[in-house]
Amino acid sequence: MNPFNGFPPGRERFTRIPGTFFTELLPQIDHLEEMKVTLYALWRLDRMEGAFRYLRLVDFSEDEEFMKGLGKNPKKVLADGLIMAVERSTLLNADIEFADRKETFYFLNTVRGQAAIKAIQHGEWQPSEDPSFPIKLSLEKPNIFKLYEEHIGPLTPMISDALKEAETLYPAEWIEEAIRRAVENNVHKWSYVEAILRRWQGAGRDDRAYRRDTEKDRKRYVEGEFSDFIEH
C-alpha cells in the first residue's frame, strides 16, 4: 500500500456531494467498484459547467489515474460499477445512435438529469460539433414553485403569494440561484432567499452568482447581514 502524503496546503477545490449520498446511498453500496464509479461521477460532474451535465464511458476510461485504481481488469470493473450505479438509479443512462456509432450517456439522478433523460427519449436533442460534448439539450427549467417545494419546504398560501410576487420583481435565474445558495448554506426559509434577492436588486449581481460560492461569500451570508434568518 502506498502511503498518502496528505492534502496540500493552501486553498483546494472541494467537491459538493449531496447529503443523501451519506444518509441513503452509502449504507446500501456494498461493492467497491460501484463506490468508486459513483464517487468519480460525483467529482467529475461537479467540475463541469452548463445547464445539464453527463459522462460517457470514454470519460471514465481515459482517466489513467482513475483506471489504475480499478485493479488488474479495470475495464470489467468499470463496466460492473456502471451497471450497479444504474441499477441503483444513482446514475441514469440513455443510448443515442449517431451516424457512425451508438453511445451511452450517464446523468446523475437529479431533477435536471431526469429531465435530460426524458428529452433524449422524446428525441429532443441535437448533435454537437464538439466531440468531447457531442449532444445538445434544451431543458425546460423547473418553475420556482417546484424549486421551492423540492429544496425549501411545502407551499402555503402565504408562500405561494410571496413566490408570485417574486416572479414579477426578479428574473427567474436570480430566484433559482438564491434558492441554491440558501440550500448550500442549509437555510430552508423563504425569508432568507428573499433577503438575497433584495440585496442583489439593491447592490447588483455579477457573474460570480452563477458559480459556486467562495468561503468568503459563505461567511458573508451565514455570519453577516443574513445571520438573523439562520437558527444557530
C-alpha atoms as a PDB file:
ATOM      1  CA  MET A   1       0.000   0.000   0.000  1.00  0.00           C
ATOM      2  CA  ASN A   2       1.347   3.414  -0.977  1.00  0.00           C
ATOM      3  CA  PRO A   3       1.021   5.916   1.886  1.00  0.00           C
ATOM      4  CA  PHE A   4      -0.955   9.108   1.339  1.00  0.00           C
ATOM      5  CA  ASN A   5       1.200  12.221   1.649  1.00  0.00           C
ATOM      6  CA  GLY A   6      -1.614  14.380   2.957  1.00  0.00           C
ATOM      7  CA  PHE A   7      -3.705  17.147   1.488  1.00  0.00           C
ATOM      8  CA  PRO A   8      -1.662  20.040   0.072  1.00  0.00           C
ATOM      9  CA  PRO A   9      -1.501  23.377   1.878  1.00  0.00           C
ATOM     10  CA  GLY A  10      -3.481  26.403   0.771  1.00  0.00           C
ATOM     11  CA  ARG A  11      -6.825  26.586  -0.924  1.00  0.00           C
ATOM     12  CA  GLU A  12      -8.038  23.435  -2.614  1.00  0.00           C
ATOM     13  CA  ARG A  13     -11.210  22.990  -4.599  1.00  0.00           C
ATOM     14  CA  PHE A  14     -13.764  20.851  -2.793  1.00  0.00           C
ATOM     15  CA  THR A  15     -16.374  18.599  -4.370  1.00  0.00           C
ATOM     16  CA  ARG A  16     -20.032  19.066  -3.484  1.00  0.00           C
ATOM     17  CA  ILE A  17     -21.626  15.759  -2.501  1.00  0.00           C
ATOM     18  CA  PRO A  18     -25.355  15.684  -1.686  1.00  0.00           C
ATOM     19  CA  GLY A  19     -26.161  14.793   1.902  1.00  0.00           C
ATOM     20  CA  THR A  20     -28.410  11.965   0.698  1.00  0.00           C
ATOM     21  CA  PHE A  21     -25.299  10.194  -0.568  1.00  0.00           C
ATOM     22  CA  PHE A  22     -24.232   9.646   3.043  1.00  0.00           C
ATOM     23  CA  THR A  23     -27.691   9.042   4.513  1.00  0.00           C
ATOM     24  CA  GLU A  24     -29.222   6.840   1.803  1.00  0.00           C
ATOM     25  CA  LEU A  25     -26.669   5.620  -0.744  1.00  0.00           C
ATOM     26  CA  LEU A  26     -23.597   4.932   1.382  1.00  0.00           C
ATOM     27  CA  PRO A  27     -25.348   2.433   3.699  1.00  0.00           C
ATOM     28  CA  GLN A  28     -26.574   0.494   0.643  1.00  0.00           C
ATOM     29  CA  ILE A  29     -23.455   0.372  -1.528  1.00  0.00           C
ATOM     30  CA  ASP A  30     -21.633  -2.879  -0.774  1.00  0.00           C
ATOM     31  CA  HIS A  31     -19.328  -3.252  -3.784  1.00  0.00           C
ATOM     32  CA  LEU A  32     -16.097  -1.304  -4.149  1.00  0.00           C
ATOM     33  CA  GLU A  33     -16.470  -0.906  -7.909  1.00  0.00           C
ATOM     34  CA  GLU A  34     -19.865   0.777  -7.514  1.00  0.00           C
ATOM     35  CA  MET A  35     -18.485   3.056  -4.805  1.00  0.00           C
ATOM     36  CA  LYS A  36     -15.516   4.142  -6.940  1.00  0.00           C
ATOM     37  CA  VAL A  37     -17.623   4.778 -10.030  1.00  0.00           C
ATOM     38  CA  THR A  38     -20.224   6.717  -8.054  1.00  0.00           C
ATOM     39  CA  LEU A  39     -17.688   8.927  -6.285  1.00  0.00           C
ATOM     40  CA  TYR A  40     -15.793   9.560  -9.523  1.00  0.00           C
ATOM     41  CA  ALA A  41     -19.018  10.561 -11.291  1.00  0.00           C
ATOM     42  CA  LEU A  42     -19.918  12.980  -8.481  1.00  0.00           C
ATOM     43  CA  TRP A  43     -16.449  14.514  -8.621  1.00  0.00           C
ATOM     44  CA  ARG A  44     -16.292  14.761 -12.419  1.00  0.00           C
ATOM     45  CA  LEU A  45     -19.804  16.142 -12.872  1.00  0.00           C
ATOM     46  CA  ASP A  46     -19.231  18.760 -10.169  1.00  0.00           C
ATOM     47  CA  ARG A  47     -16.371  20.160 -12.245  1.00  0.00           C
ATOM     48  CA  MET A  48     -18.431  20.512 -15.394  1.00  0.00           C
ATOM     49  CA  GLU A  49     -20.407  23.566 -16.464  1.00  0.00           C
ATOM     50  CA  GLY A  50     -23.657  24.032 -18.282  1.00  0.00           C
ATOM     51  CA  ALA A  51     -27.371  23.567 -17.725  1.00  0.00           C
ATOM     52  CA  PHE A  52     -27.019  19.775 -17.958  1.00  0.00           C
ATOM     53  CA  ARG A  53     -24.028  17.514 -17.424  1.00  0.00           C
ATOM     54  CA  TYR A  54     -23.277  13.971 -18.470  1.00  0.00           C
ATOM     55  CA  LEU A  55     -20.493  11.442 -18.704  1.00  0.00           C
ATOM     56  CA  ARG A  56     -19.677   8.802 -21.297  1.00  0.00           C
ATOM     57  CA  LEU A  57     -17.715   5.578 -20.994  1.00  0.00           C
ATOM     58  CA  VAL A  58     -14.696   7.317 -22.508  1.00  0.00           C
ATOM     59  CA  ASP A  59     -14.800   9.990 -19.797  1.00  0.00           C
ATOM     60  CA  PHE A  60     -14.130   7.280 -17.233  1.00  0.00           C
ATOM     61  CA  SER A  61     -11.781   5.081 -19.224  1.00  0.00           C
ATOM     62  CA  GLU A  62      -9.458   7.865 -20.441  1.00  0.00           C
ATOM     63  CA  ASP A  63      -8.649   8.939 -16.884  1.00  0.00           C
ATOM     64  CA  GLU A  64      -5.467   6.917 -16.366  1.00  0.00           C
ATOM     65  CA  GLU A  65      -5.169   7.536 -12.627  1.00  0.00           C
ATOM     66  CA  PHE A  66      -8.774   6.505 -12.034  1.00  0.00           C
ATOM     67  CA  MET A  67      -8.394   3.359 -14.141  1.00  0.00           C
ATOM     68  CA  LYS A  68      -5.185   2.397 -12.319  1.00  0.00           C
ATOM     69  CA  GLY A  69      -7.160   2.224  -9.111  1.00  0.00           C
ATOM     70  CA  LEU A  70      -9.621  -0.309 -10.516  1.00  0.00           C
ATOM     71  CA  GLY A  71      -7.266  -3.284 -10.262  1.00  0.00           C
ATOM     72  CA  LYS A  72      -5.990  -5.829 -12.757  1.00  0.00           C
ATOM     73  CA  ASN A  73      -9.047  -5.803 -15.018  1.00  0.00           C
ATOM     74  CA  PRO A  74     -10.100  -2.119 -14.940  1.00  0.00           C
ATOM     75  CA  LYS A  75     -12.432  -2.240 -17.962  1.00  0.00           C
ATOM     76  CA  LYS A  76     -14.527  -5.001 -16.420  1.00  0.00           C
ATOM     77  CA  VAL A  77     -14.536  -3.303 -13.013  1.00  0.00           C
ATOM     78  CA  LEU A  78     -15.648  -0.048 -14.631  1.00  0.00           C
ATOM     79  CA  ALA A  79     -18.396  -1.803 -16.592  1.00  0.00           C
ATOM     80  CA  ASP A  80     -19.624  -3.605 -13.462  1.00  0.00           C
ATOM     81  CA  GLY A  81     -19.550  -0.398 -11.425  1.00  0.00           C
ATOM     82  CA  LEU A  82     -21.589   1.477 -14.027  1.00  0.00           C
ATOM     83  CA  ILE A  83     -24.138  -1.335 -14.205  1.00  0.00           C
ATOM     84  CA  MET A  84     -24.548  -1.280 -10.419  1.00  0.00           C
ATOM     85  CA  ALA A  85     -24.838   2.508 -10.272  1.00  0.00           C
ATOM     86  CA  VAL A  86     -27.503   2.431 -12.994  1.00  0.00           C
ATOM     87  CA  GLU A  87     -29.387  -0.443 -11.359  1.00  0.00           C
ATOM     88  CA  ARG A  88     -29.452   1.518  -8.105  1.00  0.00           C
ATOM     89  CA  SER A  89     -30.597   4.590 -10.100  1.00  0.00           C
ATOM     90  CA  THR A  90     -27.748   6.719  -8.780  1.00  0.00           C
ATOM     91  CA  LEU A  91     -26.895   7.249 -12.440  1.00  0.00           C
ATOM     92  CA  LEU A  92     -29.432   7.424 -15.256  1.00  0.00           C
ATOM     93  CA  ASN A  93     -28.379   6.300 -18.713  1.00  0.00           C
ATOM     94  CA  ALA A  94     -29.585   6.798 -22.249  1.00  0.00           C
ATOM     95  CA  ASP A  95     -28.318   5.368 -25.544  1.00  0.00           C
ATOM     96  CA  ILE A  96     -28.044   7.653 -28.561  1.00  0.00           C
ATOM     97  CA  GLU A  97     -27.360   6.461 -32.094  1.00  0.00           C
ATOM     98  CA  PHE A  98     -25.187   8.681 -34.250  1.00  0.00           C
ATOM     99  CA  ALA A  99     -24.447   8.147 -37.932  1.00  0.00           C
ATOM    100  CA  ASP A 100     -21.273   6.191 -37.167  1.00  0.00           C
ATOM    101  CA  ARG A 101     -21.782   4.840 -33.639  1.00  0.00           C
ATOM    102  CA  LYS A 102     -24.023   4.220 -30.670  1.00  0.00           C
ATOM    103  CA  GLU A 103     -23.041   5.817 -27.386  1.00  0.00           C
ATOM    104  CA  THR A 104     -24.323   5.685 -23.805  1.00  0.00           C
ATOM    105  CA  PHE A 105     -24.693   8.875 -21.753  1.00  0.00           C
ATOM    106  CA  TYR A 106     -24.797   8.869 -17.955  1.00  0.00           C
ATOM    107  CA  PHE A 107     -26.568  11.537 -15.902  1.00  0.00           C
ATOM    108  CA  LEU A 108     -26.777  11.981 -12.148  1.00  0.00           C
ATOM    109  CA  ASN A 109     -30.271  11.172 -10.875  1.00  0.00           C
ATOM    110  CA  THR A 110     -31.367  14.750 -10.175  1.00  0.00           C
ATOM    111  CA  VAL A 111     -34.267  16.825 -11.443  1.00  0.00           C
ATOM    112  CA  ARG A 112     -32.108  18.020 -14.337  1.00  0.00           C
ATOM    113  CA  GLY A 113     -30.795  14.526 -15.017  1.00  0.00           C
ATOM    114  CA  GLN A 114     -34.317  13.142 -15.165  1.00  0.00           C
ATOM    115  CA  ALA A 115     -35.367  15.948 -17.493  1.00  0.00           C
ATOM    116  CA  ALA A 116     -32.368  15.228 -19.744  1.00  0.00           C
ATOM    117  CA  ILE A 117     -33.250  11.533 -19.987  1.00  0.00           C
ATOM    118  CA  LYS A 118     -36.845  12.392 -20.836  1.00  0.00           C
ATOM    119  CA  ALA A 119     -35.722  14.868 -23.507  1.00  0.00           C
ATOM    120  CA  ILE A 120     -33.457  12.244 -25.096  1.00  0.00           C
ATOM    121  CA  GLN A 121     -36.250   9.660 -25.066  1.00  0.00           C
ATOM    122  CA  HIS A 122     -38.525  12.152 -26.826  1.00  0.00           C
ATOM    123  CA  GLY A 123     -35.877  12.964 -29.427  1.00  0.00           C
ATOM    124  CA  GLU A 124     -35.367  16.498 -28.119  1.00  0.00           C
ATOM    125  CA  TRP A 125     -31.610  16.617 -28.619  1.00  0.00           C
ATOM    126  CA  GLN A 126     -29.242  17.803 -31.327  1.00  0.00           C
ATOM    127  CA  PRO A 127     -25.760  16.676 -32.365  1.00  0.00           C
ATOM    128  CA  SER A 128     -22.973  18.979 -31.261  1.00  0.00           C
ATOM    129  CA  GLU A 129     -19.846  19.872 -33.191  1.00  0.00           C
ATOM    130  CA  ASP A 130     -17.791  19.325 -30.038  1.00  0.00           C
ATOM    131  CA  PRO A 131     -16.538  15.702 -29.942  1.00  0.00           C
ATOM    132  CA  SER A 132     -15.947  15.906 -26.199  1.00  0.00           C
ATOM    133  CA  PHE A 133     -19.515  17.116 -25.602  1.00  0.00           C
ATOM    134  CA  PRO A 134     -21.406  15.565 -28.512  1.00  0.00           C
ATOM    135  CA  ILE A 135     -25.057  16.350 -27.748  1.00  0.00           C
ATOM    136  CA  LYS A 136     -27.084  19.484 -27.084  1.00  0.00           C
ATOM    137  CA  LEU A 137     -30.233  19.539 -24.992  1.00  0.00           C
ATOM    138  CA  SER A 138     -32.661  22.354 -24.396  1.00  0.00           C
ATOM    139  CA  LEU A 139     -34.111  21.661 -20.974  1.00  0.00           C
ATOM    140  CA  GLU A 140     -37.062  23.461 -19.525  1.00  0.00           C
ATOM    141  CA  LYS A 141     -36.141  24.879 -16.126  1.00  0.00           C
ATOM    142  CA  PRO A 142     -38.467  23.979 -13.255  1.00  0.00           C
ATOM    143  CA  ASN A 143     -40.662  26.862 -12.099  1.00  0.00           C
ATOM    144  CA  ILE A 144     -39.970  28.471  -8.767  1.00  0.00           C
ATOM    145  CA  PHE A 145     -42.920  26.756  -7.066  1.00  0.00           C
ATOM    146  CA  LYS A 146     -41.432  23.345  -7.844  1.00  0.00           C
ATOM    147  CA  LEU A 147     -37.957  24.531  -6.837  1.00  0.00           C
ATOM    148  CA  TYR A 148     -39.309  25.805  -3.539  1.00  0.00           C
ATOM    149  CA  GLU A 149     -41.089  22.538  -2.724  1.00  0.00           C
ATOM    150  CA  GLU A 150     -38.059  20.443  -3.651  1.00  0.00           C
ATOM    151  CA  HIS A 151     -35.447  22.472  -1.773  1.00  0.00           C
ATOM    152  CA  ILE A 152     -37.078  24.706   0.834  1.00  0.00           C
ATOM    153  CA  GLY A 153     -40.360  23.209   2.060  1.00  0.00           C
ATOM    154  CA  PRO A 154     -44.106  22.750   1.477  1.00  0.00           C
ATOM    155  CA  LEU A 155     -46.086  25.526  -0.154  1.00  0.00           C
ATOM    156  CA  THR A 156     -48.556  27.510   1.926  1.00  0.00           C
ATOM    157  CA  PRO A 157     -50.981  30.160   0.640  1.00  0.00           C
ATOM    158  CA  MET A 158     -48.747  32.889   2.090  1.00  0.00           C
ATOM    159  CA  ILE A 159     -45.592  31.423   0.483  1.00  0.00           C
ATOM    160  CA  SER A 160     -47.408  30.978  -2.848  1.00  0.00           C
ATOM    161  CA  ASP A 161     -48.344  34.668  -2.825  1.00  0.00           C
ATOM    162  CA  ALA A 162     -44.743  35.610  -1.998  1.00  0.00           C
ATOM    163  CA  LEU A 163     -43.437  33.479  -4.865  1.00  0.00           C
ATOM    164  CA  LYS A 164     -45.896  35.019  -7.317  1.00  0.00           C
ATOM    165  CA  GLU A 165     -44.775  38.475  -6.262  1.00  0.00           C
ATOM    166  CA  ALA A 166     -41.093  37.462  -6.580  1.00  0.00           C
ATOM    167  CA  GLU A 167     -41.710  36.338 -10.170  1.00  0.00           C
ATOM    168  CA  THR A 168     -42.809  39.872 -11.028  1.00  0.00           C
ATOM    169  CA  LEU A 169     -39.871  41.524  -9.252  1.00  0.00           C
ATOM    170  CA  TYR A 170     -36.833  39.374 -10.100  1.00  0.00           C
ATOM    171  CA  PRO A 171     -35.502  37.376 -13.073  1.00  0.00           C
ATOM    172  CA  ALA A 172     -36.178  33.634 -12.855  1.00  0.00           C
ATOM    173  CA  GLU A 173     -32.459  32.802 -12.818  1.00  0.00           C
ATOM    174  CA  TRP A 174     -31.978  35.072  -9.788  1.00  0.00           C
ATOM    175  CA  ILE A 175     -34.632  33.193  -7.843  1.00  0.00           C
ATOM    176  CA  GLU A 176     -33.185  29.822  -8.806  1.00  0.00           C
ATOM    177  CA  GLU A 177     -29.686  30.904  -7.787  1.00  0.00           C
ATOM    178  CA  ALA A 178     -30.883  32.411  -4.492  1.00  0.00           C
ATOM    179  CA  ILE A 179     -32.658  29.151  -3.611  1.00  0.00           C
ATOM    180  CA  ARG A 180     -29.484  27.224  -4.444  1.00  0.00           C
ATOM    181  CA  ARG A 181     -27.433  29.461  -2.155  1.00  0.00           C
ATOM    182  CA  ALA A 182     -29.929  29.046   0.654  1.00  0.00           C
ATOM    183  CA  VAL A 183     -29.753  25.249   0.328  1.00  0.00           C
ATOM    184  CA  GLU A 184     -25.954  25.280   0.238  1.00  0.00           C
ATOM    185  CA  ASN A 185     -25.960  27.307   3.457  1.00  0.00           C
ATOM    186  CA  ASN A 186     -28.505  24.905   4.984  1.00  0.00           C
ATOM    187  CA  VAL A 187     -31.119  27.629   5.407  1.00  0.00           C
ATOM    188  CA  HIS A 188     -34.564  26.419   4.361  1.00  0.00           C
ATOM    189  CA  LYS A 189     -36.525  29.662   4.714  1.00  0.00           C
ATOM    190  CA  TRP A 190     -38.099  31.871   2.074  1.00  0.00           C
ATOM    191  CA  SER A 191     -37.191  34.965   4.125  1.00  0.00           C
ATOM    192  CA  TYR A 192     -33.517  34.117   3.597  1.00  0.00           C
ATOM    193  CA  VAL A 193     -33.973  33.665  -0.167  1.00  0.00           C
ATOM    194  CA  GLU A 194     -35.888  36.929  -0.315  1.00  0.00           C
ATOM    195  CA  ALA A 195     -33.126  38.737   1.574  1.00  0.00           C
ATOM    196  CA  ILE A 196     -30.580  37.584  -1.018  1.00  0.00           C
ATOM    197  CA  LEU A 197     -32.829  38.785  -3.849  1.00  0.00           C
ATOM    198  CA  ARG A 198     -33.333  42.195  -2.238  1.00  0.00           C
ATOM    199  CA  ARG A 199     -29.583  42.569  -1.816  1.00  0.00           C
ATOM    200  CA  TRP A 200     -28.935  41.725  -5.465  1.00  0.00           C
ATOM    201  CA  GLN A 201     -31.603  44.164  -6.529  1.00  0.00           C
ATOM    202  CA  GLY A 202     -30.063  46.931  -4.461  1.00  0.00           C
ATOM    203  CA  ALA A 203     -26.352  46.254  -4.897  1.00  0.00           C
ATOM    204  CA  GLY A 204     -26.290  44.486  -8.254  1.00  0.00           C
ATOM    205  CA  ARG A 205     -25.404  40.933  -9.156  1.00  0.00           C
ATOM    206  CA  ASP A 206     -22.439  39.810 -11.243  1.00  0.00           C
ATOM    207  CA  ASP A 207     -21.477  36.552 -12.956  1.00  0.00           C
ATOM    208  CA  ARG A 208     -19.977  35.150  -9.778  1.00  0.00           C
ATOM    209  CA  ALA A 209     -23.515  34.378  -8.672  1.00  0.00           C
ATOM    210  CA  TYR A 210     -23.637  31.635 -11.268  1.00  0.00           C
ATOM    211  CA  ARG A 211     -20.629  29.877  -9.799  1.00  0.00           C
ATOM    212  CA  ARG A 212     -20.088  28.131  -6.547  1.00  0.00           C
ATOM    213  CA  ASP A 213     -19.788  30.445  -3.547  1.00  0.00           C
ATOM    214  CA  THR A 214     -16.324  31.013  -2.187  1.00  0.00           C
ATOM    215  CA  GLU A 215     -15.718  30.517   1.518  1.00  0.00           C
ATOM    216  CA  LYS A 216     -15.715  34.300   1.880  1.00  0.00           C
ATOM    217  CA  ASP A 217     -19.149  34.513   0.267  1.00  0.00           C
ATOM    218  CA  ARG A 218     -20.499  31.834   2.596  1.00  0.00           C
ATOM    219  CA  LYS A 219     -19.291  33.661   5.685  1.00  0.00           C
ATOM    220  CA  ARG A 220     -20.867  36.873   4.432  1.00  0.00           C
ATOM    221  CA  TYR A 221     -24.250  35.193   4.076  1.00  0.00           C
ATOM    222  CA  VAL A 222     -24.121  32.931   7.127  1.00  0.00           C
ATOM    223  CA  GLU A 223     -22.405  35.231   9.625  1.00  0.00           C
ATOM    224  CA  GLY A 224     -23.124  38.655   8.178  1.00  0.00           C
ATOM    225  CA  GLU A 225     -26.160  40.528   7.025  1.00  0.00           C
ATOM    226  CA  PHE A 226     -28.426  37.474   6.721  1.00  0.00           C
ATOM    227  CA  SER A 227     -27.497  35.835  10.015  1.00  0.00           C
ATOM    228  CA  ASP A 228     -30.860  36.757  11.527  1.00  0.00           C
ATOM    229  CA  PHE A 229     -32.510  34.233   9.237  1.00  0.00           C
ATOM    230  CA  ILE A 230     -30.367  31.339  10.437  1.00  0.00           C
ATOM    231  CA  GLU A 231     -31.104  29.280  13.520  1.00  0.00           C
ATOM    232  CA  HIS A 232     -27.896  28.669  15.478  1.00  0.00           C
END
